Amino acid sequence: MDPRNIQQDFENQFNDVVSRLQSKQFFQSDWDIASFAVFFIFIGVILLLVILILIRCCCCCCCDEVKHQRGKVGVENMALEP
């Protein structure tokens, strides 16, 4: 692409953003609003998962002193004995 073409595209996008900010009309259609909502729901879920992981790690670090010894689970298969 021609550098002048890229510069013109950038100026057009910048002017579009500035005109939206001046008119206080951030969204042009319902699709803009929906995509904005989906984006923030996605970010919220990611932050929730990170917080849950941090809580889990902190609980595991605090509870490492008291480890429970787990025994065998299940039924002993006597048919495998020689």
PDB file of N, CA and C in Angstrom:
ATOM      1  N   MET A   1       0.827  -1.177   0.000  1.00  0.00           N
ATOM      2  CA  MET A   1       0.000   0.000   0.000  1.00  0.00           C
ATOM      3  C   MET A   1       0.877   1.248   0.000  1.00  0.00           C
ATOM      4  N   ASP A   2       0.329   2.247  -0.542  1.00  0.00           N
ATOM      5  CA  ASP A   2       1.005   3.528  -0.617  1.00  0.00           C
ATOM      6  C   ASP A   2       0.984   4.198   0.771  1.00  0.00           C
ATOM      7  N   PRO A   3       2.115   4.728   1.234  1.00  0.00           N
ATOM      8  CA  PRO A   3       2.135   5.382   2.547  1.00  0.00           C
ATOM      9  C   PRO A   3       1.158   6.551   2.644  1.00  0.00           C
ATOM     10  N   ARG A   4       0.929   7.245   1.549  1.00  0.00           N
ATOM     11  CA  ARG A   4      -0.035   8.353   1.586  1.00  0.00           C
ATOM     12  C   ARG A   4      -1.447   7.830   1.794  1.00  0.00           C
ATOM     13  N   ASN A   5      -1.738   6.656   1.226  1.00  0.00           N
ATOM     14  CA  ASN A   5      -3.054   6.047   1.382  1.00  0.00           C
ATOM     15  C   ASN A   5      -3.282   5.625   2.840  1.00  0.00           C
ATOM     16  N   ILE A   6      -2.257   5.060   3.464  1.00  0.00           N
ATOM     17  CA  ILE A   6      -2.349   4.659   4.868  1.00  0.00           C
ATOM     18  C   ILE A   6      -2.537   5.884   5.746  1.00  0.00           C
ATOM     19  N   GLN A   7      -1.803   6.946   5.441  1.00  0.00           N
ATOM     20  CA  GLN A   7      -1.934   8.175   6.218  1.00  0.00           C
ATOM     21  C   GLN A   7      -3.340   8.761   6.061  1.00  0.00           C
ATOM     22  N   GLN A   8      -3.869   8.717   4.873  1.00  0.00           N
ATOM     23  CA  GLN A   8      -5.221   9.238   4.631  1.00  0.00           C
ATOM     24  C   GLN A   8      -6.265   8.404   5.384  1.00  0.00           C
ATOM     25  N   ASP A   9      -6.100   7.069   5.382  1.00  0.00           N
ATOM     26  CA  ASP A   9      -7.013   6.203   6.129  1.00  0.00           C
ATOM     27  C   ASP A   9      -6.953   6.497   7.625  1.00  0.00           C
ATOM     28  N   PHE A  10      -5.753   6.691   8.132  1.00  0.00           N
ATOM     29  CA  PHE A  10      -5.589   6.997   9.547  1.00  0.00           C
ATOM     30  C   PHE A  10      -6.240   8.333   9.896  1.00  0.00           C
ATOM     31  N   GLU A  11      -6.045   9.324   9.045  1.00  0.00           N
ATOM     32  CA  GLU A  11      -6.660  10.632   9.289  1.00  0.00           C
ATOM     33  C   GLU A  11      -8.186  10.532   9.251  1.00  0.00           C
ATOM     34  N   ASN A  12      -8.726   9.752   8.326  1.00  0.00           N
ATOM     35  CA  ASN A  12     -10.174   9.574   8.242  1.00  0.00           C
ATOM     36  C   ASN A  12     -10.732   8.908   9.509  1.00  0.00           C
ATOM     37  N   GLN A  13     -10.044   7.882   9.979  1.00  0.00           N
ATOM     38  CA  GLN A  13     -10.495   7.199  11.188  1.00  0.00           C
ATOM     39  C   GLN A  13     -10.382   8.117  12.409  1.00  0.00           C
ATOM     40  N   PHE A  14      -9.306   8.866  12.481  1.00  0.00           N
ATOM     41  CA  PHE A  14      -9.114   9.794  13.596  1.00  0.00           C
ATOM     42  C   PHE A  14     -10.198  10.870  13.590  1.00  0.00           C
ATOM     43  N   ASN A  15     -10.496  11.394  12.416  1.00  0.00           N
ATOM     44  CA  ASN A  15     -11.539  12.417  12.314  1.00  0.00           C
ATOM     45  C   ASN A  15     -12.909  11.844  12.675  1.00  0.00           C
ATOM     46  N   ASP A  16     -13.149  10.593  12.315  1.00  0.00           N
ATOM     47  CA  ASP A  16     -14.408   9.933  12.662  1.00  0.00           C
ATOM     48  C   ASP A  16     -14.544   9.793  14.181  1.00  0.00           C
ATOM     49  N   VAL A  17     -13.467   9.391  14.838  1.00  0.00           N
ATOM     50  CA  VAL A  17     -13.490   9.247  16.298  1.00  0.00           C
ATOM     51  C   VAL A  17     -13.700  10.599  16.959  1.00  0.00           C
ATOM     52  N   VAL A  18     -13.006  11.626  16.488  1.00  0.00           N
ATOM     53  CA  VAL A  18     -13.138  12.958  17.068  1.00  0.00           C
ATOM     54  C   VAL A  18     -14.557  13.490  16.871  1.00  0.00           C
ATOM     55  N   SER A  19     -15.129  13.267  15.701  1.00  0.00           N
ATOM     56  CA  SER A  19     -16.496  13.758  15.456  1.00  0.00           C
ATOM     57  C   SER A  19     -17.507  13.021  16.335  1.00  0.00           C
ATOM     58  N   ARG A  20     -17.287  11.720  16.593  1.00  0.00           N
ATOM     59  CA  ARG A  20     -18.180  10.988  17.492  1.00  0.00           C
ATOM     60  C   ARG A  20     -18.069  11.507  18.916  1.00  0.00           C
ATOM     61  N   LEU A  21     -16.850  11.806  19.347  1.00  0.00           N
ATOM     62  CA  LEU A  21     -16.664  12.334  20.695  1.00  0.00           C
ATOM     63  C   LEU A  21     -17.313  13.710  20.841  1.00  0.00           C
ATOM     64  N   GLN A  22     -17.216  14.531  19.811  1.00  0.00           N
ATOM     65  CA  GLN A  22     -17.803  15.866  19.876  1.00  0.00           C
ATOM     66  C   GLN A  22     -19.328  15.803  19.872  1.00  0.00           C
ATOM     67  N   SER A  23     -19.903  14.872  19.106  1.00  0.00           N
ATOM     68  CA  SER A  23     -21.359  14.773  19.034  1.00  0.00           C
ATOM     69  C   SER A  23     -21.935  13.927  20.169  1.00  0.00           C
ATOM     70  N   LYS A  24     -21.060  13.315  20.962  1.00  0.00           N
ATOM     71  CA  LYS A  24     -21.453  12.429  22.066  1.00  0.00           C
ATOM     72  C   LYS A  24     -22.337  11.282  21.583  1.00  0.00           C
ATOM     73  N   GLN A  25     -22.141  10.861  20.356  1.00  0.00           N
ATOM     74  CA  GLN A  25     -22.837   9.704  19.801  1.00  0.00           C
ATOM     75  C   GLN A  25     -21.770   8.649  19.508  1.00  0.00           C
ATOM     76  N   PHE A  26     -21.528   7.790  20.512  1.00  0.00           N
ATOM     77  CA  PHE A  26     -20.441   6.830  20.410  1.00  0.00           C
ATOM     78  C   PHE A  26     -20.801   5.632  19.534  1.00  0.00           C
ATOM     79  N   PHE A  27     -22.081   5.272  19.510  1.00  0.00           N
ATOM     80  CA  PHE A  27     -22.510   4.094  18.770  1.00  0.00           C
ATOM     81  C   PHE A  27     -23.397   4.525  17.605  1.00  0.00           C
ATOM     82  N   GLN A  28     -23.142   3.936  16.453  1.00  0.00           N
ATOM     83  CA  GLN A  28     -23.921   4.279  15.274  1.00  0.00           C
ATOM     84  C   GLN A  28     -25.133   3.373  15.099  1.00  0.00           C
ATOM     85  N   SER A  29     -25.060   2.170  15.626  1.00  0.00           N
ATOM     86  CA  SER A  29     -26.167   1.237  15.418  1.00  0.00           C
ATOM     87  C   SER A  29     -26.316   0.327  16.633  1.00  0.00           C
ATOM     88  N   ASP A  30     -27.348  -0.499  16.594  1.00  0.00           N
ATOM     89  CA  ASP A  30     -27.560  -1.467  17.664  1.00  0.00           C
ATOM     90  C   ASP A  30     -26.454  -2.514  17.692  1.00  0.00           C
ATOM     91  N   TRP A  31     -25.882  -2.800  16.536  1.00  0.00           N
ATOM     92  CA  TRP A  31     -24.792  -3.771  16.476  1.00  0.00           C
ATOM     93  C   TRP A  31     -23.573  -3.269  17.232  1.00  0.00           C
ATOM     94  N   ASP A  32     -23.318  -1.971  17.183  1.00  0.00           N
ATOM     95  CA  ASP A  32     -22.200  -1.408  17.946  1.00  0.00           C
ATOM     96  C   ASP A  32     -22.426  -1.602  19.440  1.00  0.00           C
ATOM     97  N   ILE A  33     -23.634  -1.359  19.875  1.00  0.00           N
ATOM     98  CA  ILE A  33     -23.956  -1.521  21.297  1.00  0.00           C
ATOM     99  C   ILE A  33     -23.829  -2.987  21.705  1.00  0.00           C
ATOM    100  N   ALA A  34     -24.326  -3.884  20.870  1.00  0.00           N
ATOM    101  CA  ALA A  34     -24.264  -5.315  21.185  1.00  0.00           C
ATOM    102  C   ALA A  34     -22.819  -5.809  21.231  1.00  0.00           C
ATOM    103  N   SER A  35     -22.012  -5.389  20.286  1.00  0.00           N
ATOM    104  CA  SER A  35     -20.613  -5.835  20.285  1.00  0.00           C
ATOM    105  C   SER A  35     -19.866  -5.266  21.487  1.00  0.00           C
ATOM    106  N   PHE A  36     -20.190  -4.045  21.871  1.00  0.00           N
ATOM    107  CA  PHE A  36     -19.585  -3.425  23.054  1.00  0.00           C
ATOM    108  C   PHE A  36     -19.962  -4.218  24.304  1.00  0.00           C
ATOM    109  N   ALA A  37     -21.235  -4.606  24.419  1.00  0.00           N
ATOM    110  CA  ALA A  37     -21.692  -5.377  25.573  1.00  0.00           C
ATOM    111  C   ALA A  37     -21.031  -6.756  25.610  1.00  0.00           C
ATOM    112  N   VAL A  38     -20.950  -7.417  24.468  1.00  0.00           N
ATOM    113  CA  VAL A  38     -20.319  -8.741  24.415  1.00  0.00           C
ATOM    114  C   VAL A  38     -18.845  -8.648  24.789  1.00  0.00           C
ATOM    115  N   PHE A  39     -18.174  -7.608  24.336  1.00  0.00           N
ATOM    116  CA  PHE A  39     -16.764  -7.419  24.664  1.00  0.00           C
ATOM    117  C   PHE A  39     -16.580  -7.265  26.173  1.00  0.00           C
ATOM    118  N   PHE A  40     -17.415  -6.451  26.818  1.00  0.00           N
ATOM    119  CA  PHE A  40     -17.258  -6.253  28.251  1.00  0.00           C
ATOM    120  C   PHE A  40     -17.691  -7.470  29.058  1.00  0.00           C
ATOM    121  N   ILE A  41     -18.642  -8.234  28.559  1.00  0.00           N
ATOM    122  CA  ILE A  41     -18.988  -9.490  29.228  1.00  0.00           C
ATOM    123  C   ILE A  41     -17.813 -10.455  29.148  1.00  0.00           C
ATOM    124  N   PHE A  42     -17.162 -10.522  27.994  1.00  0.00           N
ATOM    125  CA  PHE A  42     -15.987 -11.385  27.826  1.00  0.00           C
ATOM    126  C   PHE A  42     -14.870 -10.970  28.786  1.00  0.00           C
ATOM    127  N   ILE A  43     -14.592  -9.677  28.853  1.00  0.00           N
ATOM    128  CA  ILE A  43     -13.545  -9.183  29.756  1.00  0.00           C
ATOM    129  C   ILE A  43     -13.924  -9.477  31.204  1.00  0.00           C
ATOM    130  N   GLY A  44     -15.195  -9.334  31.549  1.00  0.00           N
ATOM    131  CA  GLY A  44     -15.643  -9.622  32.906  1.00  0.00           C
ATOM    132  C   GLY A  44     -15.465 -11.082  33.278  1.00  0.00           C
ATOM    133  N   VAL A  45     -15.764 -11.977  32.352  1.00  0.00           N
ATOM    134  CA  VAL A  45     -15.600 -13.410  32.612  1.00  0.00           C
ATOM    135  C   VAL A  45     -14.121 -13.747  32.791  1.00  0.00           C
ATOM    136  N   ILE A  46     -13.275 -13.170  31.969  1.00  0.00           N
ATOM    137  CA  ILE A  46     -11.834 -13.412  32.094  1.00  0.00           C
ATOM    138  C   ILE A  46     -11.332 -12.924  33.449  1.00  0.00           C
ATOM    139  N   LEU A  47     -11.744 -11.733  33.869  1.00  0.00           N
ATOM    140  CA  LEU A  47     -11.330 -11.213  35.178  1.00  0.00           C
ATOM    141  C   LEU A  47     -11.861 -12.083  36.312  1.00  0.00           C
ATOM    142  N   LEU A  48     -13.099 -12.567  36.192  1.00  0.00           N
ATOM    143  CA  LEU A  48     -13.659 -13.454  37.203  1.00  0.00           C
ATOM    144  C   LEU A  48     -12.839 -14.736  37.307  1.00  0.00           C
ATOM    145  N   LEU A  49     -12.459 -15.313  36.184  1.00  0.00           N
ATOM    146  CA  LEU A  49     -11.655 -16.537  36.208  1.00  0.00           C
ATOM    147  C   LEU A  49     -10.284 -16.297  36.833  1.00  0.00           C
ATOM    148  N   VAL A  50      -9.680 -15.160  36.537  1.00  0.00           N
ATOM    149  CA  VAL A  50      -8.375 -14.837  37.128  1.00  0.00           C
ATOM    150  C   VAL A  50      -8.506 -14.690  38.635  1.00  0.00           C
ATOM    151  N   ILE A  51      -9.557 -14.029  39.084  1.00  0.00           N
ATOM    152  CA  ILE A  51      -9.766 -13.875  40.530  1.00  0.00           C
ATOM    153  C   ILE A  51      -9.979 -15.231  41.183  1.00  0.00           C
ATOM    154  N   LEU A  52     -10.771 -16.100  40.560  1.00  0.00           N
ATOM    155  CA  LEU A  52     -10.986 -17.438  41.116  1.00  0.00           C
ATOM    156  C   LEU A  52      -9.694 -18.243  41.166  1.00  0.00           C
ATOM    157  N   ILE A  53      -8.851 -18.104  40.154  1.00  0.00           N
ATOM    158  CA  ILE A  53      -7.561 -18.802  40.153  1.00  0.00           C
ATOM    159  C   ILE A  53      -6.675 -18.279  41.269  1.00  0.00           C
ATOM    160  N   LEU A  54      -6.653 -16.968  41.472  1.00  0.00           N
ATOM    161  CA  LEU A  54      -5.850 -16.397  42.555  1.00  0.00           C
ATOM    162  C   LEU A  54      -6.358 -16.851  43.918  1.00  0.00           C
ATOM    163  N   ILE A  55      -7.667 -16.900  44.087  1.00  0.00           N
ATOM    164  CA  ILE A  55      -8.225 -17.376  45.353  1.00  0.00           C
ATOM    165  C   ILE A  55      -7.846 -18.831  45.579  1.00  0.00           C
ATOM    166  N   ARG A  56      -7.933 -19.638  44.534  1.00  0.00           N
ATOM    167  CA  ARG A  56      -7.579 -21.060  44.649  1.00  0.00           C
ATOM    168  C   ARG A  56      -6.104 -21.223  45.005  1.00  0.00           C
ATOM    169  N   CYS A  57      -5.244 -20.438  44.370  1.00  0.00           N
ATOM    170  CA  CYS A  57      -3.808 -20.534  44.664  1.00  0.00           C
ATOM    171  C   CYS A  57      -3.516 -20.103  46.092  1.00  0.00           C
ATOM    172  N   CYS A  58      -4.168 -19.049  46.548  1.00  0.00           N
ATOM    173  CA  CYS A  58      -3.942 -18.587  47.918  1.00  0.00           C
ATOM    174  C   CYS A  58      -4.433 -19.616  48.925  1.00  0.00           C
ATOM    175  N   CYS A  59      -5.559 -20.247  48.657  1.00  0.00           N
ATOM    176  CA  CYS A  59      -6.073 -21.263  49.572  1.00  0.00           C
ATOM    177  C   CYS A  59      -5.157 -22.480  49.596  1.00  0.00           C
ATOM    178  N   CYS A  60      -4.608 -22.847  48.450  1.00  0.00           N
ATOM    179  CA  CYS A  60      -3.708 -24.002  48.409  1.00  0.00           C
ATOM    180  C   CYS A  60      -2.403 -23.704  49.135  1.00  0.00           C
ATOM    181  N   CYS A  61      -1.922 -22.487  49.038  1.00  0.00           N
ATOM    182  CA  CYS A  61      -0.676 -22.120  49.721  1.00  0.00           C
ATOM    183  C   CYS A  61      -0.878 -22.112  51.225  1.00  0.00           C
ATOM    184  N   CYS A  62      -2.031 -21.673  51.674  1.00  0.00           N
ATOM    185  CA  CYS A  62      -2.300 -21.613  53.112  1.00  0.00           C
ATOM    186  C   CYS A  62      -2.578 -22.990  53.689  1.00  0.00           C
ATOM    187  N   CYS A  63      -3.144 -23.849  52.901  1.00  0.00           N
ATOM    188  CA  CYS A  63      -3.573 -25.156  53.401  1.00  0.00           C
ATOM    189  C   CYS A  63      -2.562 -26.254  53.108  1.00  0.00           C
ATOM    190  N   ASP A  64      -1.362 -25.910  52.626  1.00  0.00           N
ATOM    191  CA  ASP A  64      -0.368 -26.934  52.314  1.00  0.00           C
ATOM    192  C   ASP A  64       0.132 -27.638  53.570  1.00  0.00           C
ATOM    193  N   GLU A  65       0.053 -26.953  54.717  1.00  0.00           N
ATOM    194  CA  GLU A  65       0.563 -27.550  55.947  1.00  0.00           C
ATOM    195  C   GLU A  65      -0.264 -28.750  56.367  1.00  0.00           C
ATOM    196  N   VAL A  66      -1.536 -28.715  56.095  1.00  0.00           N
ATOM    197  CA  VAL A  66      -2.434 -29.796  56.497  1.00  0.00           C
ATOM    198  C   VAL A  66      -2.818 -30.578  55.249  1.00  0.00           C
ATOM    199  N   LYS A  67      -2.010 -31.551  54.913  1.00  0.00           N
ATOM    200  CA  LYS A  67      -2.317 -32.390  53.753  1.00  0.00           C
ATOM    201  C   LYS A  67      -3.006 -33.653  54.240  1.00  0.00           C
ATOM    202  N   HIS A  68      -4.017 -34.004  53.546  1.00  0.00           N
ATOM    203  CA  HIS A  68      -4.740 -35.219  53.881  1.00  0.00           C
ATOM    204  C   HIS A  68      -4.156 -36.373  53.077  1.00  0.00           C
ATOM    205  N   GLN A  69      -3.844 -37.449  53.772  1.00  0.00           N
ATOM    206  CA  GLN A  69      -3.340 -38.639  53.098  1.00  0.00           C
ATOM    207  C   GLN A  69      -4.535 -39.408  52.557  1.00  0.00           C
ATOM    208  N   ARG A  70      -4.537 -39.605  51.288  1.00  0.00           N
ATOM    209  CA  ARG A  70      -5.642 -40.320  50.666  1.00  0.00           C
ATOM    210  C   ARG A  70      -5.244 -41.779  50.471  1.00  0.00           C
ATOM    211  N   GLY A  71      -6.121 -42.641  50.857  1.00  0.00           N
ATOM    212  CA  GLY A  71      -5.892 -44.067  50.681  1.00  0.00           C
ATOM    213  C   GLY A  71      -6.346 -44.515  49.319  1.00  0.00           C
ATOM    214  N   LYS A  72      -6.280 -45.814  49.113  1.00  0.00           N
ATOM    215  CA  LYS A  72      -6.732 -46.358  47.839  1.00  0.00           C
ATOM    216  C   LYS A  72      -8.237 -46.210  47.720  1.00  0.00           C
ATOM    217  N   VAL A  73      -8.659 -45.940  46.524  1.00  0.00           N
ATOM    218  CA  VAL A  73     -10.083 -45.809  46.264  1.00  0.00           C
ATOM    219  C   VAL A  73     -10.474 -46.913  45.303  1.00  0.00           C
ATOM    220  N   GLY A  74     -11.534 -47.598  45.608  1.00  0.00           N
ATOM    221  CA  GLY A  74     -12.008 -48.645  44.713  1.00  0.00           C
ATOM    222  C   GLY A  74     -11.962 -50.018  45.363  1.00  0.00           C
ATOM    223  N   VAL A  75     -12.176 -51.025  44.543  1.00  0.00           N
ATOM    224  CA  VAL A  75     -12.241 -52.408  45.012  1.00  0.00           C
ATOM    225  C   VAL A  75     -10.974 -53.122  44.575  1.00  0.00           C
ATOM    226  N   GLU A  76     -10.410 -53.905  45.474  1.00  0.00           N
ATOM    227  CA  GLU A  76      -9.206 -54.683  45.152  1.00  0.00           C
ATOM    228  C   GLU A  76      -9.606 -55.836  44.249  1.00  0.00           C
ATOM    229  N   ASN A  77      -8.945 -55.968  43.113  1.00  0.00           N
ATOM    230  CA  ASN A  77      -9.255 -57.037  42.150  1.00  0.00           C
ATOM    231  C   ASN A  77      -8.390 -58.243  42.499  1.00  0.00           C
ATOM    232  N   MET A  78      -9.013 -59.213  43.148  1.00  0.00           N
ATOM    233  CA  MET A  78      -8.267 -60.410  43.582  1.00  0.00           C
ATOM    234  C   MET A  78      -7.958 -61.332  42.403  1.00  0.00           C
ATOM    235  N   ALA A  79      -8.599 -61.147  41.273  1.00  0.00           N
ATOM    236  CA  ALA A  79      -8.361 -62.018  40.119  1.00  0.00           C
ATOM    237  C   ALA A  79      -6.988 -61.751  39.511  1.00  0.00           C
ATOM    238  N   LEU A  80      -6.405 -60.623  39.803  1.00  0.00           N
ATOM    239  CA  LEU A  80      -5.090 -60.320  39.261  1.00  0.00           C
ATOM    240  C   LEU A  80      -3.954 -60.895  40.109  1.00  0.00           C
ATOM    241  N   GLU A  81      -4.278 -61.401  41.291  1.00  0.00           N
ATOM    242  CA  GLU A  81      -3.255 -61.979  42.156  1.00  0.00           C
ATOM    243  C   GLU A  81      -2.774 -63.313  41.570  1.00  0.00           C
ATOM    244  N   PRO A  82      -1.482 -63.600  41.653  1.00  0.00           N
ATOM    245  CA  PRO A  82      -0.984 -64.873  41.087  1.00  0.00           C
ATOM    246  C   PRO A  82      -1.357 -66.066  41.911  1.00  0.00           C
TER     247      PRO A  82
END
